[in-house]
Amino acid sequence: MRFEPIAIIGQSCVLPGALDPAALWELVMQGRDLVAPAPDDAWRIDKARVLAAPGSYTQDHAWSDRGGYVSGFEDRFDPTGFLLPAAEIKALDPVFQWTLHGVREALRSARLGAPLNDAAPKTGLIMGNLAYPTAGLVQFAEATWFAAQANGVPRPPGMAAPDPRNRFSSGLPAHLAAQALNLTGDAFALDAACASSLYAIKLACDRLQDRRADVMVAGAVNRTDDLFIHIGFCALQAMSRRGESRPFAADVDGLVPAEGAAFVVLKRLDDAIAAGNTILGVIRGIGLSNDGNAGGFLSPAAAGQVRALDAAYASAGLAPGDISLLECHATGTP
């Protein structure tokens, strides 16, 4: 069945070095590399206790602390104006704050206003969010364990009681965004690993094409606890020892993690044209697949990639020769 074209009418991002799309575009045009060592307080422990010298890696250590880190968000973020108390929002892990800010800014970019009024078109949110512990979840667990072990002795200095909602860092950000911005359509998060944002866009397009929504916000957020992700990817032998992500290079040696969020606002193309919306781009086809019983967790099978591309070309009514630019994600693992 032919894919009904979907217009992109709004966008937002919270990314390393870029707290809005204009700043991201400048970084791309300048060719800047935003990968850097983890901030000193990111792991809540002396990094020297975790980092292993080359050739001496052992379990529960890491050979790299490099990644992409968001900075300056606290100065940009305004927790007021949502349909939730600002004090409650400020107590939440950044995974919630980046989601609330990102969805609101995307809606504003589309000139839809936020929060939406009750007469607004039916609007939903589908977002990718890795089901890994966030720093807020880890801090809640640490505070609980310390309190239990101390038998009534006060927590260590500076360890305030974390907001218990930080325990639910996978699906709750989408629910709170719907509540805070009065989104009346479907609102949920999914975890399809590195493909999460593309799955979110596909499912958002489905909602528009079957008329269950008139506007959809789609995207993803990642604010996994940085110590967890570095130790975990080193245990998987997936972390680059050079601290460089270089997919397709002959001497590629692994990935480099990063944090951030990005969202787009989607609408049926015909409706966007009729409403006079600014159209930033058009989605004309999507293809999804899996490797099945082939390859490995860190070695995607070429056949699975081809199936996804074939499905996208077929749904768009295009041939590979029609494409002039291809942007892609790759694991960067050997």
Protein backbone atom coordinates (compact mmCIF):
# COMPACT_ATOMS: atom_id res chain seq x y z
CA MET A 1 0.00 0.00 0.00
CA ARG A 2 1.32 3.46 -0.91
CA PHE A 3 2.58 5.55 2.00
CA GLU A 4 0.51 8.70 2.61
CA PRO A 5 3.03 11.60 2.77
CA ILE A 6 3.61 13.10 6.21
CA ALA A 7 4.87 16.67 6.71
CA ILE A 8 7.36 17.73 9.37
CA ILE A 9 6.07 21.08 10.65
CA GLY A 10 8.05 21.59 13.87
CA GLN A 11 11.30 20.55 15.50
CA SER A 12 13.36 20.88 18.68
CA CYS A 13 16.47 19.44 20.28
CA VAL A 14 18.52 19.30 23.47
CA LEU A 15 21.90 17.98 22.35
CA PRO A 16 25.58 18.38 23.24
CA GLY A 17 26.54 21.89 22.18
CA ALA A 18 23.11 22.55 20.68
CA LEU A 19 20.01 23.40 22.70
CA ASP A 20 17.98 24.25 19.59
CA PRO A 21 17.96 23.23 15.91
CA ALA A 22 19.65 26.43 14.73
CA ALA A 23 22.64 25.75 16.99
CA LEU A 24 22.77 22.15 15.78
CA TRP A 25 22.86 23.29 12.16
CA GLU A 26 25.75 25.63 12.95
CA LEU A 27 27.69 22.76 14.53
CA VAL A 28 27.10 20.59 11.47
CA MET A 29 28.19 23.36 9.09
CA GLN A 30 31.33 23.96 11.15
CA GLY A 31 32.12 20.23 11.29
CA ARG A 32 32.70 20.40 15.03
CA ASP A 33 33.28 17.33 17.20
CA LEU A 34 31.45 17.59 20.54
CA VAL A 35 32.82 14.35 22.03
CA ALA A 36 34.64 15.07 25.29
CA PRO A 37 35.61 13.44 28.61
CA ALA A 38 32.76 12.96 31.05
CA PRO A 39 32.31 15.90 33.45
CA ASP A 40 34.04 15.27 36.77
CA ASP A 41 30.74 14.93 38.65
CA ALA A 42 28.97 12.77 36.05
CA TRP A 43 29.88 9.46 37.69
CA ARG A 44 29.50 10.56 41.35
CA ILE A 45 32.81 8.84 42.05
CA ASP A 46 36.47 9.56 41.37
CA LYS A 47 36.89 8.55 37.73
CA ALA A 48 40.37 7.25 38.50
CA ARG A 49 38.74 4.41 40.47
CA VAL A 50 36.82 3.31 37.38
CA LEU A 51 39.12 3.97 34.43
CA ALA A 52 41.48 1.12 33.65
CA ALA A 53 44.87 1.62 32.05
CA PRO A 54 45.19 0.31 28.47
CA GLY A 55 45.61 -3.45 28.51
CA SER A 56 44.60 -3.80 32.18
CA TYR A 57 40.80 -3.74 31.88
CA THR A 58 38.93 -5.74 34.51
CA GLN A 59 35.25 -6.29 35.27
CA ASP A 60 33.28 -3.25 36.54
CA HIS A 61 35.77 -0.83 35.03
CA ALA A 62 35.87 1.21 31.84
CA TRP A 63 38.65 2.07 29.42
CA SER A 64 37.10 5.36 28.28
CA ASP A 65 35.12 8.24 29.75
CA ARG A 66 34.46 10.01 26.46
CA GLY A 67 30.96 10.86 25.29
CA GLY A 68 28.59 13.63 24.24
CA TYR A 69 27.25 15.73 27.13
CA VAL A 70 24.52 18.36 27.30
CA SER A 71 25.52 21.59 29.03
CA GLY A 72 23.78 24.87 29.75
CA PHE A 73 20.27 23.43 29.75
CA GLU A 74 19.50 24.64 33.27
CA ASP A 75 19.99 28.24 32.16
CA ARG A 76 17.69 27.77 29.15
CA PHE A 77 14.89 25.71 30.71
CA ASP A 78 11.77 27.46 32.00
CA PRO A 79 9.76 25.05 34.21
CA THR A 80 6.78 27.42 34.38
CA GLY A 81 3.82 27.46 32.01
CA PHE A 82 3.17 23.71 32.10
CA LEU A 83 0.03 22.14 33.57
CA LEU A 84 2.23 20.80 36.38
CA PRO A 85 3.79 22.77 39.28
CA ALA A 86 7.21 24.18 38.39
CA ALA A 87 8.65 23.03 41.73
CA GLU A 88 7.71 19.42 40.93
CA ILE A 89 9.27 19.63 37.47
CA LYS A 90 12.53 21.03 38.87
CA ALA A 91 12.79 18.02 41.20
CA LEU A 92 12.72 15.54 38.33
CA ASP A 93 15.63 13.91 36.51
CA PRO A 94 16.72 15.72 33.31
CA VAL A 95 15.16 12.91 31.26
CA PHE A 96 11.79 14.37 32.26
CA GLN A 97 12.86 18.00 31.85
CA TRP A 98 14.41 17.45 28.41
CA THR A 99 11.22 15.69 27.30
CA LEU A 100 8.89 18.42 28.60
CA HIS A 101 11.04 21.17 27.13
CA GLY A 102 11.61 19.36 23.83
CA VAL A 103 7.95 18.56 23.20
CA ARG A 104 6.86 22.08 24.13
CA GLU A 105 9.48 23.72 21.91
CA ALA A 106 8.60 21.45 19.00
CA LEU A 107 4.92 22.41 19.31
CA ARG A 108 5.87 26.07 19.53
CA SER A 109 8.06 25.66 16.45
CA ALA A 110 4.96 24.38 14.66
CA ARG A 111 3.05 27.44 15.92
CA LEU A 112 0.55 25.23 17.71
CA GLY A 113 1.10 26.72 21.16
CA ALA A 114 1.77 24.74 24.31
CA PRO A 115 0.07 23.69 26.48
CA LEU A 116 -2.63 22.93 23.92
CA ASN A 117 -6.15 24.20 24.50
CA ASP A 118 -9.10 21.83 24.57
CA ALA A 119 -10.11 22.81 21.04
CA ALA A 120 -6.70 21.91 19.56
CA PRO A 121 -6.43 19.08 17.01
CA LYS A 122 -6.04 15.64 18.59
CA THR A 123 -2.32 15.47 19.32
CA GLY A 124 -0.24 12.53 20.54
CA LEU A 125 3.35 11.74 21.49
CA ILE A 126 5.42 8.65 20.70
CA MET A 127 9.06 8.70 21.78
CA GLY A 128 12.03 6.44 22.10
CA ASN A 129 13.58 6.12 25.56
CA LEU A 130 16.13 3.47 26.46
CA ALA A 131 14.99 1.37 29.41
CA TYR A 132 18.26 1.86 31.27
CA PRO A 133 18.61 3.45 34.73
CA THR A 134 19.00 7.21 34.72
CA ALA A 135 21.11 9.18 37.17
CA GLY A 136 17.92 10.14 39.02
CA LEU A 137 16.90 6.49 39.40
CA VAL A 138 20.39 5.55 40.61
CA GLN A 139 20.43 8.43 43.10
CA PHE A 140 17.04 7.35 44.44
CA ALA A 141 18.32 3.79 44.90
CA GLU A 142 21.52 4.99 46.57
CA ALA A 143 19.60 7.25 48.95
CA THR A 144 17.25 4.38 49.84
CA TRP A 145 20.09 1.94 50.45
CA PHE A 146 22.12 4.40 52.49
CA ALA A 147 19.08 5.22 54.63
CA ALA A 148 18.36 1.54 55.22
CA GLN A 149 21.97 0.74 56.09
CA ALA A 150 22.35 3.72 58.40
CA ASN A 151 19.45 2.67 60.67
CA GLY A 152 18.13 6.16 61.07
CA VAL A 153 21.42 8.01 60.66
CA PRO A 154 20.95 11.04 58.33
CA ARG A 155 21.96 10.72 54.69
CA PRO A 156 25.46 11.85 53.70
CA PRO A 157 25.80 15.64 53.31
CA GLY A 158 24.29 16.95 50.10
CA MET A 159 22.17 13.87 49.46
CA ALA A 160 18.62 15.19 49.48
CA ALA A 161 15.71 12.80 49.17
CA PRO A 162 15.25 12.29 45.40
CA ASP A 163 11.78 12.54 43.87
CA PRO A 164 10.38 8.96 43.85
CA ARG A 165 8.98 9.49 40.34
CA ASN A 166 12.56 9.27 39.09
CA ARG A 167 12.21 5.50 39.56
CA PHE A 168 9.92 5.38 36.52
CA SER A 169 12.25 6.93 33.99
CA SER A 170 11.30 4.81 30.97
CA GLY A 171 7.60 5.41 30.25
CA LEU A 172 6.67 8.16 32.71
CA PRO A 173 8.33 11.07 30.82
CA ALA A 174 5.89 10.56 27.93
CA HIS A 175 2.92 10.38 30.29
CA LEU A 176 3.95 13.54 32.17
CA ALA A 177 4.55 15.39 28.89
CA ALA A 178 1.00 14.54 27.81
CA GLN A 179 -0.32 15.70 31.17
CA ALA A 180 1.77 18.88 31.27
CA LEU A 181 0.92 19.92 27.69
CA ASN A 182 -2.67 18.65 27.41
CA LEU A 183 -1.99 16.08 24.68
CA THR A 184 -5.15 14.02 24.18
CA GLY A 185 -3.84 11.43 21.70
CA ASP A 186 -1.71 8.35 22.33
CA ALA A 187 1.33 9.06 24.51
CA PHE A 188 3.92 6.39 25.23
CA ALA A 189 7.61 5.50 25.06
CA LEU A 190 9.32 2.51 23.45
CA ASP A 191 12.78 0.96 23.51
CA ALA A 192 14.10 -0.39 20.22
CA ALA A 193 17.73 0.39 21.11
CA CYS A 194 19.42 2.60 18.50
CA ALA A 195 16.35 2.44 16.23
CA SER A 196 13.99 3.83 18.89
CA SER A 197 13.50 7.26 17.34
CA LEU A 198 12.78 5.82 13.89
CA TYR A 199 10.27 3.35 15.31
CA ALA A 200 8.63 6.28 17.12
CA ILE A 201 8.33 8.21 13.85
CA LYS A 202 6.91 5.16 12.05
CA LEU A 203 4.25 4.59 14.72
CA ALA A 204 3.43 8.31 14.79
CA CYS A 205 2.91 8.25 11.00
CA ASP A 206 0.61 5.24 11.45
CA ARG A 207 -1.56 7.23 13.89
CA LEU A 208 -1.89 10.03 11.35
CA GLN A 209 -2.55 7.77 8.39
CA ASP A 210 -5.31 5.83 10.14
CA ARG A 211 -6.88 9.11 11.39
CA ARG A 212 -6.48 8.33 15.08
CA ALA A 213 -4.65 11.66 15.45
CA ASP A 214 -4.36 14.94 13.56
CA VAL A 215 -0.93 15.96 14.92
CA MET A 216 1.82 13.76 16.36
CA VAL A 217 5.04 14.58 18.15
CA ALA A 218 7.75 11.96 17.67
CA GLY A 219 11.37 11.66 18.71
CA ALA A 220 13.54 10.29 21.47
CA VAL A 221 15.42 11.08 24.66
CA ASN A 222 18.47 9.47 26.25
CA ARG A 223 19.77 10.34 29.68
CA THR A 224 21.10 6.96 30.81
CA ASP A 225 23.34 7.04 33.88
CA ASP A 226 26.76 7.69 32.36
CA LEU A 227 28.74 5.40 34.66
CA PHE A 228 26.31 2.55 33.91
CA ILE A 229 26.59 3.04 30.16
CA HIS A 230 30.40 3.25 30.09
CA ILE A 231 30.92 0.17 32.26
CA GLY A 232 28.18 -1.71 30.39
CA PHE A 233 29.46 -0.99 26.89
CA CYS A 234 33.00 -1.87 27.91
CA ALA A 235 31.71 -5.20 29.29
CA LEU A 236 30.06 -5.76 25.90
CA GLN A 237 33.36 -4.90 24.17
CA ALA A 238 31.39 -2.24 22.29
CA MET A 239 33.05 0.94 23.61
CA SER A 240 35.70 2.54 21.42
CA ARG A 241 39.11 2.35 23.05
CA ARG A 242 40.20 5.45 21.13
CA GLY A 243 37.10 7.36 22.18
CA GLU A 244 36.12 7.87 18.53
CA SER A 245 33.00 6.75 16.69
CA ARG A 246 34.05 5.93 13.11
CA PRO A 247 31.46 3.67 11.43
CA PHE A 248 32.58 2.03 8.16
CA ALA A 249 36.29 2.77 8.76
CA ALA A 250 38.57 -0.22 8.28
CA ASP A 251 40.01 0.16 11.79
CA VAL A 252 36.75 0.99 13.59
CA ASP A 253 36.86 -0.14 17.23
CA GLY A 254 33.53 0.72 18.85
CA LEU A 255 30.92 3.31 19.68
CA VAL A 256 30.88 6.46 21.82
CA PRO A 257 27.73 7.17 23.88
CA ALA A 258 25.96 10.50 24.06
CA GLU A 259 22.91 12.03 25.70
CA GLY A 260 20.18 14.35 24.52
CA ALA A 261 16.69 14.63 23.08
CA ALA A 262 15.11 15.61 19.78
CA PHE A 263 11.52 15.85 18.56
CA VAL A 264 9.58 16.58 15.38
CA VAL A 265 5.93 17.54 14.90
CA LEU A 266 4.15 15.56 12.19
CA LYS A 267 0.96 16.19 10.23
CA ARG A 268 -0.61 14.72 7.10
CA LEU A 269 0.89 16.60 4.15
CA ASP A 270 -2.47 17.55 2.64
CA ASP A 271 -3.65 18.95 5.99
CA ALA A 272 -0.40 20.88 6.48
CA ILE A 273 -0.69 22.47 3.04
CA ALA A 274 -4.36 23.34 3.62
CA ALA A 275 -3.55 24.93 7.00
CA GLY A 276 -0.62 26.93 5.62
CA ASN A 277 1.88 25.27 7.97
CA THR A 278 5.60 25.78 7.37
CA ILE A 279 6.79 22.44 5.94
CA LEU A 280 10.34 21.57 7.01
CA GLY A 281 10.42 18.21 5.28
CA VAL A 282 8.22 15.40 3.96
CA ILE A 283 8.30 11.72 4.95
CA ARG A 284 7.38 9.63 1.88
CA GLY A 285 8.26 6.14 3.00
CA ILE A 286 9.49 4.09 5.96
CA GLY A 287 10.96 0.61 6.06
CA LEU A 288 11.54 -1.53 9.15
CA SER A 289 13.00 -5.01 9.47
CA ASN A 290 14.96 -7.27 11.76
CA ASP A 291 17.81 -9.72 11.26
CA GLY A 292 15.88 -12.73 12.51
CA ASN A 293 18.14 -15.67 13.36
CA ALA A 294 21.27 -14.13 11.87
CA GLY A 295 24.23 -11.96 12.80
CA GLY A 296 24.75 -10.89 16.39
CA PHE A 297 23.79 -8.21 18.88
CA LEU A 298 26.59 -5.90 17.74
CA SER A 299 26.96 -7.16 14.16
CA PRO A 300 23.84 -6.27 12.17
CA ALA A 301 23.22 -8.54 9.17
CA ALA A 302 23.44 -6.86 5.77
CA ALA A 303 20.35 -8.76 4.63
CA GLY A 304 18.28 -7.14 7.37
CA GLN A 305 19.50 -3.70 6.35
CA VAL A 306 18.59 -4.39 2.71
CA ARG A 307 15.08 -5.52 3.68
CA ALA A 308 14.50 -2.24 5.52
CA LEU A 309 15.77 -0.17 2.58
CA ASP A 310 13.71 -2.14 0.07
CA ALA A 311 10.57 -1.59 2.16
CA ALA A 312 11.24 2.16 2.37
CA TYR A 313 11.81 2.48 -1.39
CA ALA A 314 8.66 0.48 -2.13
CA SER A 315 6.44 2.51 0.21
CA ALA A 316 7.78 5.78 -1.24
CA GLY A 317 7.58 4.68 -4.88
CA LEU A 318 11.27 5.53 -5.36
CA ALA A 319 14.34 3.72 -6.63
CA PRO A 320 17.83 3.84 -5.08
CA GLY A 321 19.01 5.95 -8.00
CA ASP A 322 16.55 8.68 -7.02
CA ILE A 323 18.42 9.33 -3.75
CA SER A 324 21.08 12.04 -3.63
CA LEU A 325 21.91 12.06 0.10
CA LEU A 326 21.89 9.25 2.64
CA GLU A 327 22.33 9.83 6.38
CA CYS A 328 22.58 6.76 8.56
CA HIS A 329 23.39 5.30 11.93
CA ALA A 330 25.84 2.45 12.38
CA THR A 331 27.11 0.71 15.49
CA GLY A 332 30.77 1.49 14.83
CA THR A 333 31.71 -1.88 16.33
CA PRO A 334 34.20 -4.19 14.61
